[in-house]
């Protein structure tokens, strides 16, 4: 059950962050709702009004499927009795955890590729997304995943990251890095 009397959000966020095993640089205005429970705390660190999550098939590199369109949310969860921290992302009602050994590659200013065993998917934000939100997200990916920045790939592709042709070309260049990251 969530606690009923709560200090102001800024002090709650400071308290949450001070208990982290490794300091996080999250601007005070970035944190959203904080929920405290007897066994831990959940803090929303990023919310964006619009995102697209796409599945890229391993068997057929030309097939892309939009899994979900909707609000993007990233949350951090920390147990009360330990320093275990879990980061999870959501687009609409589609959730996935972040893992330290899971490769995440930034392929353009607002676009990321993720790899999990058997899965390759893309997270895209629209041009109207705040640059500060995407920059903060990249920083959190750097702290919670095996993150690499390959934005230089976008410059060599010659197609806007808002077009499907971009994803086919970006995948060709980045997939070997993602596969190698999974084999570590």
Protein backbone atom coordinates (compact mmCIF):
# COMPACT_ATOMS: atom_id res chain seq x y z
CA UNK A 1 0.00 0.00 0.00
CA UNK A 2 1.35 3.46 -0.88
CA UNK A 3 2.11 5.84 1.95
CA UNK A 4 -0.41 8.61 2.50
CA UNK A 5 1.66 11.42 4.04
CA UNK A 6 4.44 12.41 1.71
CA UNK A 7 7.04 15.16 1.71
CA UNK A 8 7.18 17.52 -1.29
CA UNK A 9 8.25 15.82 -4.56
CA UNK A 10 11.66 17.57 -4.71
CA UNK A 11 12.69 16.32 -1.25
CA UNK A 12 11.28 12.86 -1.98
CA UNK A 13 13.31 12.69 -5.17
CA UNK A 14 16.47 13.85 -3.36
CA UNK A 15 15.88 11.18 -0.72
CA UNK A 16 15.37 8.51 -3.38
CA UNK A 17 18.49 9.51 -5.32
CA UNK A 18 20.64 9.66 -2.19
CA UNK A 19 19.93 5.97 -1.58
CA UNK A 20 21.09 4.94 -5.06
CA UNK A 21 24.23 2.77 -5.17
CA UNK A 22 25.71 5.06 -7.83
CA UNK A 23 24.80 8.77 -7.96
CA UNK A 24 22.43 9.68 -10.76
CA UNK A 25 22.36 13.08 -12.36
CA UNK A 26 18.63 13.63 -12.74
CA UNK A 27 17.51 17.26 -12.89
CA UNK A 28 14.98 18.05 -10.18
CA UNK A 29 12.33 19.01 -12.72
CA UNK A 30 12.69 15.70 -14.57
CA UNK A 31 11.19 13.45 -11.93
CA UNK A 32 7.52 12.79 -12.05
CA UNK A 33 5.39 10.84 -9.66
CA UNK A 34 7.09 9.05 -6.77
CA UNK A 35 5.32 6.16 -5.11
CA UNK A 36 6.56 4.83 -1.79
CA UNK A 37 5.67 1.37 -0.54
CA UNK A 38 6.78 -0.61 2.50
CA UNK A 39 9.15 -2.69 0.32
CA UNK A 40 10.48 0.06 -1.94
CA UNK A 41 10.05 3.18 -4.03
CA UNK A 42 9.12 3.76 -7.67
CA UNK A 43 10.11 7.03 -9.32
CA UNK A 44 9.07 8.14 -12.78
CA UNK A 45 12.17 9.83 -14.20
CA UNK A 46 11.06 10.53 -17.77
CA UNK A 47 7.71 11.00 -19.48
CA UNK A 48 7.33 11.92 -23.14
CA UNK A 49 3.99 12.48 -24.82
CA UNK A 50 4.76 10.44 -27.90
CA UNK A 51 6.99 7.54 -28.94
CA UNK A 52 6.95 4.60 -31.31
CA UNK A 53 8.27 1.15 -30.45
CA UNK A 54 9.07 -1.04 -33.49
CA UNK A 55 10.05 -4.69 -33.74
CA UNK A 56 12.68 -5.61 -36.31
CA UNK A 57 12.66 -9.24 -37.34
CA UNK A 58 15.98 -11.12 -37.19
CA UNK A 59 14.95 -13.59 -39.92
CA UNK A 60 13.84 -10.95 -42.41
CA UNK A 61 15.79 -7.70 -42.03
CA UNK A 62 13.31 -5.87 -44.28
CA UNK A 63 10.34 -6.45 -41.96
CA UNK A 64 9.48 -3.81 -39.37
CA UNK A 65 6.37 -3.92 -37.22
CA UNK A 66 5.07 -1.10 -35.08
CA UNK A 67 4.42 -2.66 -31.70
CA UNK A 68 3.10 0.39 -29.91
CA UNK A 69 2.55 4.11 -30.25
CA UNK A 70 1.89 6.19 -27.17
CA UNK A 71 3.36 7.90 -24.15
CA UNK A 72 6.88 6.89 -23.16
CA UNK A 73 7.71 6.48 -19.47
CA UNK A 74 10.91 5.40 -17.74
CA UNK A 75 10.77 4.40 -14.09
CA UNK A 76 13.36 3.49 -11.50
CA UNK A 77 12.41 1.07 -8.74
CA UNK A 78 14.48 0.57 -5.61
CA UNK A 79 13.99 -1.90 -2.79
CA UNK A 80 13.90 -0.53 0.74
CA UNK A 81 16.12 -3.20 2.30
CA UNK A 82 18.85 -3.28 -0.36
CA UNK A 83 20.45 -1.18 -3.05
CA UNK A 84 18.90 -3.11 -5.92
CA UNK A 85 17.70 -0.69 -8.59
CA UNK A 86 15.61 -1.72 -11.58
CA UNK A 87 15.00 0.53 -14.55
CA UNK A 88 12.05 -0.11 -16.83
CA UNK A 89 10.66 1.59 -19.91
CA UNK A 90 7.12 1.69 -21.28
CA UNK A 91 5.42 2.80 -24.46
CA UNK A 92 1.71 2.68 -23.84
CA UNK A 93 1.08 -0.63 -22.09
CA UNK A 94 4.23 -2.33 -23.50
CA UNK A 95 6.88 -2.67 -20.73
CA UNK A 96 10.49 -3.85 -20.84
CA UNK A 97 13.30 -3.86 -18.25
CA UNK A 98 16.73 -2.44 -18.87
CA UNK A 99 19.74 -4.62 -18.16
CA UNK A 100 23.40 -3.75 -17.75
CA UNK A 101 24.42 -6.33 -20.34
CA UNK A 102 21.72 -5.43 -22.88
CA UNK A 103 23.03 -3.35 -25.79
CA UNK A 104 21.35 -0.04 -26.54
CA UNK A 105 22.63 2.04 -29.45
CA UNK A 106 21.64 5.61 -30.21
CA UNK A 107 21.46 5.77 -34.00
CA UNK A 108 20.14 9.30 -34.46
CA UNK A 109 19.18 12.33 -32.40
CA UNK A 110 15.80 10.84 -31.33
CA UNK A 111 16.20 7.14 -32.11
CA UNK A 112 17.59 4.10 -30.28
CA UNK A 113 18.02 0.41 -31.14
CA UNK A 114 17.77 -2.26 -28.42
CA UNK A 115 18.83 -5.90 -28.53
CA UNK A 116 17.72 -8.74 -26.31
CA UNK A 117 18.25 -12.41 -27.16
CA UNK A 118 15.87 -13.05 -30.05
CA UNK A 119 14.62 -9.45 -30.18
CA UNK A 120 15.74 -6.33 -31.98
CA UNK A 121 13.60 -3.26 -31.60
CA UNK A 122 13.67 0.48 -32.11
CA UNK A 123 12.43 3.35 -29.96
CA UNK A 124 11.70 6.56 -31.85
CA UNK A 125 10.63 9.98 -30.65
CA UNK A 126 8.98 12.60 -32.91
CA UNK A 127 10.73 15.82 -33.97
CA UNK A 128 8.60 17.71 -31.42
CA UNK A 129 10.26 15.85 -28.52
CA UNK A 130 12.29 18.01 -26.15
CA UNK A 131 16.01 17.55 -26.74
CA UNK A 132 16.57 17.65 -22.96
CA UNK A 133 14.28 14.62 -22.52
CA UNK A 134 16.10 12.54 -25.13
CA UNK A 135 19.49 13.63 -23.73
CA UNK A 136 18.45 12.60 -20.21
CA UNK A 137 17.18 9.28 -21.56
CA UNK A 138 20.54 8.65 -23.26
CA UNK A 139 22.32 9.41 -19.97
CA UNK A 140 20.09 6.94 -18.12
CA UNK A 141 20.69 4.30 -20.79
CA UNK A 142 24.42 4.92 -20.30
CA UNK A 143 24.00 4.16 -16.59
CA UNK A 144 21.64 1.16 -16.83
CA UNK A 145 22.57 -0.61 -20.10
CA UNK A 146 25.50 -1.32 -22.37
CA UNK A 147 25.06 1.98 -24.21
CA UNK A 148 26.87 3.17 -27.32
CA UNK A 149 26.34 6.37 -29.27
CA UNK A 150 26.34 5.86 -33.03
CA UNK A 151 24.66 9.12 -34.06
CA UNK A 152 27.31 9.47 -36.75
CA UNK A 153 25.50 6.62 -38.57
CA UNK A 154 22.52 8.91 -39.21
CA UNK A 155 24.68 11.46 -41.03
CA UNK A 156 25.92 8.83 -43.49
CA UNK A 157 22.52 7.33 -44.26
CA UNK A 158 21.06 10.27 -46.14
CA UNK A 159 17.48 9.49 -45.07
CA UNK A 160 15.59 11.17 -42.23
CA UNK A 161 15.18 9.11 -39.07
CA UNK A 162 11.43 9.64 -39.46
CA UNK A 163 11.33 7.41 -42.56
CA UNK A 164 11.31 3.59 -42.64
CA UNK A 165 14.22 3.56 -45.10
CA UNK A 166 16.38 5.00 -42.33
CA UNK A 167 15.82 1.94 -40.15
CA UNK A 168 16.87 -0.56 -42.77
CA UNK A 169 20.12 1.29 -43.44
CA UNK A 170 20.83 2.01 -39.76
CA UNK A 171 20.20 -1.61 -38.86
CA UNK A 172 22.72 -2.82 -41.47
CA UNK A 173 25.41 -0.67 -39.88
CA UNK A 174 24.58 -1.21 -36.19
CA UNK A 175 23.28 -4.78 -35.96
CA UNK A 176 26.78 -6.36 -35.83
CA UNK A 177 27.56 -4.18 -32.79
CA UNK A 178 24.29 -5.23 -31.13
CA UNK A 179 24.87 -8.93 -31.81
CA UNK A 180 28.44 -8.71 -30.49
CA UNK A 181 27.11 -7.04 -27.34
CA UNK A 182 24.71 -9.92 -26.76
CA UNK A 183 27.53 -12.46 -27.09
CA UNK A 184 29.64 -10.84 -24.36
